[in-house]
Amino acid sequence: MTTTFARVQPDLSLLLNQALQTLDYGQQPATLYDPIRYIMGLGGKRLRPLLTLLGGQLFTDELAPLVRPALATEVFHNFTLLHDDLMDQAPLRRGQPTVHERWNANVAILSGDVMLVRAYELLTENVPPALLPLVLRRFSQTAAEVCEGQQWDMNFETETSVSIAQYLDMIRLKTAVLLGFALELGAMLAGASTADADHLRQFGVDIGLAFQLRDDLLDVYGDPATFGKQVGGDILADKKTFLLLTAQAQAGPAQRAVLGQYVGVQPVPDPVAKVQAIRGVYDALDIRAQTEALINDYFQDALLHLERLAVPAARKKPLRALALQLLEREV
């Protein structure tokens, strides 16, 4: 299964995809395990396990023992997608029916629960006994933070006043901390120092924040042919993104009038008009440039953490290349 990141590390991507194909989640009852195989077979970037291997590759050339723990991050990530789809009542995931649509809500809950259990099982494989308590503690903390982020995201749907700082903290929890843990896991398993593992985790968090902000930007200004989903979807759903929250904070009377006319009006009578009007407010307030500036700030912070790693510069190149690929998608 080819991913967009296979060009950066083809050997590692192939290694991960081969290992994923051999995972045994369980057999009976089929209605419990078939949905797991289904969602895990829908593809995706496989970014998180790749980050674990890249994090380990900074410190060792022996990556085989890291593969199964790396897959724990992918199984956990897909568990969150399965439950998120159910909470959002999303009909499609990667162009295919979601688990709760193809089976039902109860199946989605139970299959997701098993995926979380399997993630813990994978995480413990090939981990030195002395390191296991720390690995489990860090993973549990990260898993809880991801759930906190999802809850904040749901809370924000009904809250009328959400600050930019609250939004950034929400995406840090929901998206970025798992990327940070994936890198930290690879470093820990490869024998990195605590300081290096911490720098890698923060590198991943900063890249995760930049990546999510980039996604928010592409939702408004992306090319529909390359974005992979509906441009303007966040606007139509009144999703509280950095762009919308910044516009609301900076709007003058004219912009406030437009926002008041369109934001919070559901169902949307004229989707094209709404997207054009909100984008016009963003253009007037130069929201795109402000978002790009914040993305760059996070990226530069990430690079500082990468530079501080006590490893040769040549070993850092694959991780830097992946970060650049993540953030230089077509707009």
Protein backbone atom coordinates (compact mmCIF):
# COMPACT_ATOMS: atom_id res chain seq x y z
CA MET A 1 0.00 0.00 0.00
CA THR A 2 1.66 3.20 -1.18
CA THR A 3 1.43 6.36 0.90
CA THR A 4 2.32 9.96 0.14
CA PHE A 5 5.30 9.58 2.48
CA ALA A 6 6.72 6.49 0.80
CA ARG A 7 8.86 8.73 -1.38
CA VAL A 8 10.63 10.07 1.71
CA GLN A 9 11.40 6.70 3.29
CA PRO A 10 10.37 3.91 0.88
CA ASP A 11 12.12 1.16 2.84
CA LEU A 12 10.47 2.12 6.12
CA SER A 13 7.05 2.53 4.49
CA LEU A 14 7.34 -0.92 2.92
CA LEU A 15 8.44 -2.42 6.24
CA LEU A 16 5.44 -0.92 8.04
CA ASN A 17 2.90 -1.95 5.41
CA GLN A 18 4.20 -5.53 5.39
CA ALA A 19 3.97 -5.66 9.18
CA LEU A 20 0.44 -4.24 9.16
CA GLN A 21 -0.70 -6.97 6.81
CA THR A 22 0.40 -9.64 9.28
CA LEU A 23 -1.35 -8.22 12.35
CA ASP A 24 -3.83 -10.61 13.95
CA TYR A 25 -6.53 -8.67 15.77
CA GLY A 26 -8.67 -11.74 16.52
CA GLN A 27 -11.09 -14.02 14.67
CA GLN A 28 -14.39 -14.70 16.43
CA PRO A 29 -16.96 -13.30 16.57
CA ALA A 30 -16.39 -11.97 13.09
CA THR A 31 -18.68 -9.01 13.75
CA LEU A 32 -16.16 -7.82 16.35
CA TYR A 33 -12.95 -8.31 14.37
CA ASP A 34 -14.00 -7.77 10.75
CA PRO A 35 -14.63 -4.04 11.37
CA ILE A 36 -11.09 -3.70 12.73
CA ARG A 37 -9.58 -5.32 9.66
CA TYR A 38 -11.88 -3.14 7.54
CA ILE A 39 -10.83 0.22 8.98
CA MET A 40 -7.17 -0.77 9.16
CA GLY A 41 -7.37 -1.75 5.50
CA LEU A 42 -8.74 1.59 4.30
CA GLY A 43 -5.25 3.02 3.92
CA GLY A 44 -4.06 6.35 5.23
CA LYS A 45 -0.69 8.01 5.56
CA ARG A 46 0.69 5.62 8.23
CA LEU A 47 2.40 8.75 9.49
CA ARG A 48 2.54 7.89 13.18
CA PRO A 49 4.38 4.55 12.95
CA LEU A 50 6.68 6.09 10.35
CA LEU A 51 7.53 8.81 12.85
CA THR A 52 8.34 6.16 15.45
CA LEU A 53 10.79 4.47 13.11
CA LEU A 54 12.30 7.79 12.07
CA GLY A 55 12.64 8.73 15.72
CA GLY A 56 14.45 5.47 16.38
CA GLN A 57 16.57 5.76 13.26
CA LEU A 58 18.18 8.86 14.69
CA PHE A 59 19.86 6.70 17.32
CA THR A 60 20.11 3.17 15.92
CA ASP A 61 20.20 1.20 12.67
CA GLU A 62 18.41 -1.79 14.25
CA LEU A 63 14.79 -0.89 13.58
CA ALA A 64 13.18 -4.34 13.46
CA PRO A 65 12.43 -4.42 17.21
CA LEU A 66 10.66 -1.05 16.90
CA VAL A 67 8.16 -2.10 14.23
CA ARG A 68 5.52 -3.75 16.43
CA PRO A 69 5.50 -0.95 19.04
CA ALA A 70 5.35 1.55 16.17
CA LEU A 71 2.21 -0.13 14.88
CA ALA A 72 0.59 0.53 18.25
CA THR A 73 0.40 4.21 17.33
CA GLU A 74 -1.37 3.37 14.05
CA VAL A 75 -3.88 1.02 15.69
CA PHE A 76 -4.59 3.62 18.37
CA HIS A 77 -4.98 6.38 15.79
CA ASN A 78 -7.50 4.33 13.82
CA PHE A 79 -9.35 3.51 17.05
CA THR A 80 -9.82 7.25 17.59
CA LEU A 81 -11.03 7.66 14.00
CA LEU A 82 -13.57 4.87 14.42
CA HIS A 83 -15.03 6.44 17.56
CA ASP A 84 -14.77 10.00 16.18
CA ASP A 85 -16.76 8.95 13.11
CA LEU A 86 -19.44 7.52 15.36
CA MET A 87 -19.62 10.67 17.50
CA ASP A 88 -19.74 12.86 14.38
CA GLN A 89 -22.16 10.51 12.60
CA ALA A 90 -19.81 10.69 9.61
CA PRO A 91 -20.98 8.56 6.68
CA LEU A 92 -17.59 8.12 4.99
CA ARG A 93 -13.97 7.50 5.97
CA ARG A 94 -11.39 7.66 3.17
CA GLY A 95 -14.18 7.42 0.63
CA GLN A 96 -15.72 4.27 2.11
CA PRO A 97 -18.63 3.73 4.52
CA THR A 98 -17.67 4.23 8.16
CA VAL A 99 -17.83 1.26 10.52
CA HIS A 100 -21.02 2.39 12.24
CA GLU A 101 -22.67 2.83 8.83
CA ARG A 102 -21.54 -0.54 7.47
CA TRP A 103 -22.30 -2.38 10.72
CA ASN A 104 -23.88 -0.39 13.57
CA ALA A 105 -23.01 1.89 16.48
CA ASN A 106 -22.62 -0.88 19.04
CA VAL A 107 -20.20 -2.74 16.81
CA ALA A 108 -18.19 0.45 16.29
CA ILE A 109 -17.91 0.95 20.06
CA LEU A 110 -16.82 -2.62 20.81
CA SER A 111 -14.44 -2.94 17.86
CA GLY A 112 -12.86 0.35 18.85
CA ASP A 113 -12.44 -0.89 22.41
CA VAL A 114 -10.60 -3.96 21.17
CA MET A 115 -8.34 -1.78 19.02
CA LEU A 116 -7.29 0.15 22.11
CA VAL A 117 -6.49 -3.13 23.86
CA ARG A 118 -4.48 -4.35 20.87
CA ALA A 119 -2.57 -1.06 20.78
CA TYR A 120 -1.43 -1.65 24.35
CA GLU A 121 -0.42 -5.21 23.49
CA LEU A 122 1.68 -4.07 20.54
CA LEU A 123 3.24 -1.32 22.60
CA THR A 124 4.71 -3.81 25.08
CA GLU A 125 6.46 -5.97 22.48
CA ASN A 126 10.27 -5.83 22.40
CA VAL A 127 10.35 -3.18 25.14
CA PRO A 128 13.10 -3.66 27.76
CA PRO A 129 11.47 -4.41 31.16
CA ALA A 130 13.15 -1.44 32.80
CA LEU A 131 11.67 0.89 30.17
CA LEU A 132 8.17 -0.59 30.05
CA PRO A 133 6.61 1.44 32.93
CA LEU A 134 7.73 4.71 31.34
CA VAL A 135 6.49 3.71 27.89
CA LEU A 136 3.09 2.69 29.24
CA ARG A 137 2.81 5.82 31.36
CA ARG A 138 3.65 8.13 28.46
CA PHE A 139 1.26 6.32 26.12
CA SER A 140 -1.57 6.42 28.67
CA GLN A 141 -1.02 10.13 29.22
CA THR A 142 -1.06 10.75 25.48
CA ALA A 143 -4.20 8.66 24.96
CA ALA A 144 -6.01 10.60 27.67
CA GLU A 145 -4.90 13.89 26.13
CA VAL A 146 -6.26 12.84 22.72
CA CYS A 147 -9.62 12.14 24.37
CA GLU A 148 -9.47 15.50 26.12
CA GLY A 149 -8.89 17.18 22.78
CA GLN A 150 -11.86 15.41 21.23
CA GLN A 151 -14.09 16.44 24.12
CA TRP A 152 -12.97 20.07 23.85
CA ASP A 153 -13.65 19.94 20.11
CA MET A 154 -17.19 18.72 20.78
CA ASN A 155 -17.69 21.31 23.52
CA PHE A 156 -16.65 24.08 21.14
CA GLU A 157 -19.48 23.15 18.77
CA THR A 158 -22.03 24.59 21.20
CA GLU A 159 -19.94 27.27 22.94
CA THR A 160 -20.40 30.79 21.62
CA SER A 161 -17.10 32.13 22.97
CA VAL A 162 -13.92 30.19 22.19
CA SER A 163 -10.54 31.89 22.38
CA ILE A 164 -7.70 31.39 19.94
CA ALA A 165 -5.58 30.02 22.79
CA GLN A 166 -8.29 27.48 23.62
CA TYR A 167 -8.46 26.38 20.01
CA LEU A 168 -4.69 25.95 19.73
CA ASP A 169 -4.65 23.90 22.92
CA MET A 170 -7.48 21.74 21.59
CA ILE A 171 -5.63 20.87 18.37
CA ARG A 172 -2.46 20.28 20.38
CA LEU A 173 -4.30 17.64 22.39
CA LYS A 174 -6.42 16.14 19.63
CA THR A 175 -3.80 15.96 16.90
CA ALA A 176 -0.30 17.02 17.89
CA VAL A 177 0.46 15.08 21.08
CA LEU A 178 0.17 11.70 19.34
CA LEU A 179 2.71 12.77 16.71
CA GLY A 180 4.99 13.86 19.53
CA PHE A 181 4.58 10.57 21.36
CA ALA A 182 5.24 8.55 18.19
CA LEU A 183 8.63 10.22 17.84
CA GLU A 184 9.36 10.01 21.56
CA LEU A 185 8.54 6.29 21.52
CA GLY A 186 11.06 5.62 18.78
CA ALA A 187 13.71 7.58 20.65
CA MET A 188 13.06 5.80 23.94
CA LEU A 189 13.16 2.35 22.36
CA ALA A 190 16.41 3.22 20.55
CA GLY A 191 18.15 4.21 23.77
CA ALA A 192 18.06 7.99 23.41
CA SER A 193 18.71 10.23 26.38
CA THR A 194 15.76 11.79 28.20
CA ALA A 195 16.72 15.19 26.82
CA ASP A 196 16.78 13.94 23.22
CA ALA A 197 13.47 12.12 23.65
CA ASP A 198 11.94 15.32 25.03
CA HIS A 199 13.22 17.37 22.11
CA LEU A 200 11.79 14.86 19.65
CA ARG A 201 8.41 14.90 21.38
CA GLN A 202 8.27 18.69 21.20
CA PHE A 203 9.38 18.59 17.56
CA GLY A 204 6.41 16.33 16.85
CA VAL A 205 3.97 18.51 18.78
CA ASP A 206 5.10 21.65 16.93
CA ILE A 207 4.87 19.90 13.57
CA GLY A 208 1.42 18.60 14.52
CA LEU A 209 0.19 22.09 15.34
CA ALA A 210 1.59 23.45 12.10
CA PHE A 211 0.07 20.54 10.16
CA GLN A 212 -3.42 21.11 11.61
CA LEU A 213 -3.25 24.84 10.95
CA ARG A 214 -2.16 24.05 7.40
CA ASP A 215 -5.20 21.79 7.08
CA ASP A 216 -7.44 24.61 8.32
CA LEU A 217 -5.90 26.92 5.73
CA LEU A 218 -6.30 24.42 2.91
CA ASP A 219 -9.98 24.00 3.79
CA VAL A 220 -10.47 27.61 2.73
CA TYR A 221 -7.78 28.17 0.09
CA GLY A 222 -6.89 24.68 -1.12
CA ASP A 223 -7.16 23.30 -4.62
CA PRO A 224 -10.16 20.91 -4.67
CA ALA A 225 -8.24 18.60 -7.03
CA THR A 226 -5.44 18.05 -4.51
CA PHE A 227 -6.97 18.80 -1.09
CA GLY A 228 -8.74 15.46 -0.85
CA LYS A 229 -12.01 16.76 0.61
CA GLN A 230 -14.53 19.53 0.13
CA VAL A 231 -12.99 22.99 0.16
CA GLY A 232 -15.00 25.24 2.46
CA GLY A 233 -16.33 22.36 4.55
CA ASP A 234 -15.24 23.98 7.81
CA ILE A 235 -16.95 27.23 6.81
CA LEU A 236 -20.21 25.48 5.96
CA ALA A 237 -20.14 23.60 9.28
CA ASP A 238 -19.35 26.76 11.27
CA LYS A 239 -16.28 24.98 12.60
CA LYS A 240 -14.30 27.13 14.99
CA THR A 241 -10.89 27.21 13.35
CA PHE A 242 -7.95 29.55 13.84
CA LEU A 243 -9.08 31.44 10.73
CA LEU A 244 -12.65 32.02 11.93
CA LEU A 245 -11.67 32.84 15.52
CA THR A 246 -9.03 35.32 14.33
CA ALA A 247 -11.51 36.95 11.96
CA GLN A 248 -14.08 37.29 14.73
CA ALA A 249 -11.48 38.84 17.01
CA GLN A 250 -10.29 41.37 14.41
CA ALA A 251 -13.47 42.14 12.47
CA GLY A 252 -14.61 45.68 11.99
CA PRO A 253 -18.28 46.65 11.65
CA ALA A 254 -18.53 45.56 8.00
CA GLN A 255 -16.89 42.20 8.63
CA ARG A 256 -18.96 41.61 11.78
CA ALA A 257 -22.11 42.18 9.74
CA VAL A 258 -21.09 39.52 7.21
CA LEU A 259 -20.08 37.06 9.92
CA GLY A 260 -23.36 37.68 11.71
CA GLN A 261 -25.28 37.02 8.52
CA TYR A 262 -23.67 33.66 7.82
CA VAL A 263 -22.06 32.12 10.92
CA GLY A 264 -24.46 30.02 12.96
CA VAL A 265 -27.10 29.84 10.25
CA GLN A 266 -28.03 26.19 9.75
CA PRO A 267 -29.07 24.65 7.45
CA VAL A 268 -27.10 26.69 4.93
CA PRO A 269 -29.48 28.08 2.28
CA ASP A 270 -26.73 28.94 -0.23
CA PRO A 271 -23.44 27.09 0.44
CA VAL A 272 -21.51 28.79 -2.37
CA ALA A 273 -22.51 32.25 -1.19
CA LYS A 274 -21.55 31.47 2.39
CA VAL A 275 -18.08 30.19 1.48
CA GLN A 276 -17.44 33.18 -0.77
CA ALA A 277 -18.65 35.67 1.84
CA ILE A 278 -16.60 34.24 4.71
CA ARG A 279 -13.54 33.93 2.48
CA GLY A 280 -14.04 37.57 1.56
CA VAL A 281 -13.88 38.51 5.25
CA TYR A 282 -10.68 36.49 5.61
CA ASP A 283 -9.18 38.24 2.59
CA ALA A 284 -10.09 41.68 3.93
CA LEU A 285 -8.44 40.93 7.28
CA ASP A 286 -5.40 39.19 5.77
CA ILE A 287 -6.20 36.02 7.73
CA ARG A 288 -4.35 33.81 5.29
CA ALA A 289 -1.03 35.57 5.87
CA GLN A 290 -1.55 35.51 9.64
CA THR A 291 -2.22 31.77 9.54
CA GLU A 292 0.84 31.13 7.39
CA ALA A 293 2.95 33.17 9.81
CA LEU A 294 1.82 31.06 12.77
CA ILE A 295 2.46 27.86 10.80
CA ASN A 296 5.98 29.08 10.12
CA ASP A 297 6.49 29.96 13.80
CA TYR A 298 5.63 26.41 14.84
CA PHE A 299 7.80 24.97 12.09
CA GLN A 300 10.79 27.05 13.13
CA ASP A 301 10.29 26.03 16.77
CA ALA A 302 10.23 22.40 15.63
CA LEU A 303 13.49 22.83 13.73
CA LEU A 304 15.14 24.28 16.83
CA HIS A 305 14.27 21.12 18.75
CA LEU A 306 15.60 19.01 15.90
CA GLU A 307 18.86 20.95 15.87
CA ARG A 308 19.32 20.37 19.60
CA LEU A 309 19.38 16.60 19.23
CA ALA A 310 22.80 15.20 20.08
CA VAL A 311 23.08 13.16 16.85
CA PRO A 312 24.92 13.77 13.56
CA ALA A 313 23.20 16.15 11.14
CA ALA A 314 23.01 13.44 8.46
CA ARG A 315 20.72 11.34 10.65
CA LYS A 316 18.28 14.24 10.98
CA LYS A 317 17.74 14.69 7.25
CA PRO A 318 14.95 12.10 6.75
CA LEU A 319 12.88 13.55 9.58
CA ARG A 320 13.39 17.09 8.35
CA ALA A 321 12.41 15.99 4.83
CA LEU A 322 9.21 14.42 6.12
CA ALA A 323 8.32 17.58 8.05
CA LEU A 324 8.83 19.65 4.90
CA GLN A 325 6.62 17.31 2.91
CA LEU A 326 3.90 17.54 5.55
CA LEU A 327 3.84 21.32 5.48
CA GLU A 328 4.46 22.09 1.81
CA ARG A 329 1.29 20.63 0.39
CA GLU A 330 -0.32 22.31 -2.59
CA VAL A 331 -2.40 25.39 -1.84
